[in-house]
Protein backbone atom coordinates (compact mmCIF):
# COMPACT_ATOMS: atom_id res chain seq x y z
CA UNK A 1 219.95 28.39 -21.93
CA UNK A 2 220.82 28.56 -18.29
CA UNK A 3 219.23 32.12 -18.15
CA UNK A 4 216.07 30.95 -19.87
CA UNK A 5 215.83 28.16 -17.36
CA UNK A 6 216.72 30.15 -14.26
CA UNK A 7 213.09 30.26 -12.94
CA UNK A 8 212.43 26.92 -13.40
CA UNK A 9 215.78 25.71 -11.63
CA UNK A 10 214.83 28.20 -8.54
CA UNK A 11 211.52 26.56 -8.34
CA UNK A 12 213.03 22.96 -8.46
CA UNK A 13 215.53 23.97 -5.89
CA UNK A 14 212.80 25.18 -3.50
CA UNK A 15 210.83 21.96 -4.27
CA UNK A 16 213.89 19.85 -3.31
CA UNK A 17 214.35 21.99 -0.04
CA UNK A 18 210.81 21.70 0.98
CA UNK A 19 211.04 17.94 0.52
CA UNK A 20 214.21 17.73 2.53
CA UNK A 21 212.70 19.59 5.19
CA UNK A 22 209.52 17.26 5.62
CA UNK A 23 211.81 14.32 5.89
CA UNK A 24 213.79 15.74 8.55
CA UNK A 25 212.26 13.24 11.06
CA UNK A 26 213.91 10.24 9.44
CA UNK A 27 217.03 10.79 11.94
CA UNK A 28 214.26 9.88 14.91
CA UNK A 29 213.02 6.76 13.08
CA UNK A 30 216.49 5.41 12.77
CA UNK A 31 217.11 5.73 16.52
CA UNK A 32 213.90 3.78 17.02
CA UNK A 33 214.96 1.06 14.69
CA UNK A 34 218.34 0.99 16.40
CA UNK A 35 216.61 0.45 19.55
CA UNK A 36 214.49 -2.29 18.51
CA UNK A 37 215.54 -5.90 18.48
CA UNK A 38 217.90 -6.03 15.56
CA UNK A 39 216.77 -9.54 14.38
CA UNK A 40 213.11 -8.04 13.90
CA UNK A 41 211.70 -8.19 10.52
CA UNK A 42 209.92 -5.04 10.80
CA UNK A 43 213.21 -3.10 11.80
CA UNK A 44 214.98 -4.66 8.96
CA UNK A 45 211.99 -3.25 6.30
CA UNK A 46 211.97 0.09 8.31
CA UNK A 47 215.78 0.31 7.94
CA UNK A 48 215.52 -0.69 4.12
CA UNK A 49 213.08 2.08 3.75
CA UNK A 50 215.07 4.74 5.76
CA UNK A 51 218.19 3.80 3.87
CA UNK A 52 215.96 4.29 0.49
CA UNK A 53 214.71 7.94 1.76
CA UNK A 54 218.62 8.65 2.84
CA UNK A 55 219.80 7.91 -0.68
CA UNK A 56 217.06 9.80 -2.38
CA UNK A 57 217.95 13.07 -0.40
CA UNK A 58 221.30 12.97 -1.92
CA UNK A 59 219.96 13.13 -5.48
CA UNK A 60 221.69 15.73 -7.62
CA UNK A 61 221.02 16.74 -11.19
CA UNK A 62 222.26 18.81 -13.81
CA UNK A 63 219.83 21.86 -14.29
CA UNK A 64 218.18 22.84 -16.74
CA UNK A 65 218.15 19.03 -18.27
CA UNK A 66 217.99 17.19 -15.10
CA UNK A 67 216.32 18.71 -12.20
CA UNK A 68 216.88 17.20 -8.66
CA UNK A 69 213.75 18.57 -7.09
CA UNK A 70 211.84 16.62 -9.79
CA UNK A 71 213.69 13.58 -9.23
CA UNK A 72 213.46 13.48 -5.37
CA UNK A 73 209.78 14.30 -5.49
CA UNK A 74 209.36 11.23 -7.88
CA UNK A 75 211.47 8.83 -5.84
CA UNK A 76 210.01 9.81 -2.42
CA UNK A 77 206.53 9.48 -4.23
CA UNK A 78 207.59 5.81 -5.24
CA UNK A 79 208.62 5.10 -1.48
CA UNK A 80 205.47 6.50 0.00
CA UNK A 81 203.41 4.56 -2.48
CA UNK A 82 205.51 1.45 -1.61
CA UNK A 83 204.93 2.01 2.20
CA UNK A 84 201.29 2.47 1.75
CA UNK A 85 201.03 -0.73 -0.26
CA UNK A 86 202.96 -2.61 2.32
CA UNK A 87 200.42 -1.07 5.05
CA UNK A 88 197.37 -1.77 3.07
CA UNK A 89 197.70 -5.22 2.63
CA UNK A 90 195.28 -6.55 5.14
CA UNK A 91 195.13 -10.23 5.96
CA UNK A 92 198.72 -10.83 4.31
CA UNK A 93 201.52 -11.09 6.61
CA UNK A 94 204.03 -8.35 6.51
CA UNK A 95 206.78 -10.76 4.93
CA UNK A 96 204.68 -11.24 1.88
CA UNK A 97 203.12 -7.84 1.65
CA UNK A 98 206.55 -6.22 1.85
CA UNK A 99 208.74 -8.26 -0.42
CA UNK A 100 207.42 -7.38 -3.62
């Protein structure tokens, strides 16, 4: 089974590597959060998103049945969608739009 899935597992590994490369800027965001007032709600929300991204980047699987690249892609997409939803809420306070 491993030999049959080898090309798929290799593509999945490359997918995960590419996603991790694109998310390298997370450390810079963490520094900015650390420099901002700690009681800021925006800093708290940003910190939660950064923690979620860090958690996702540690995802692992058991190829060929659990592909970590696909799992990382799906979870980072969910985080991206959540951030976009939070930013798209016009007229609502940040607290209301990001606490869903």
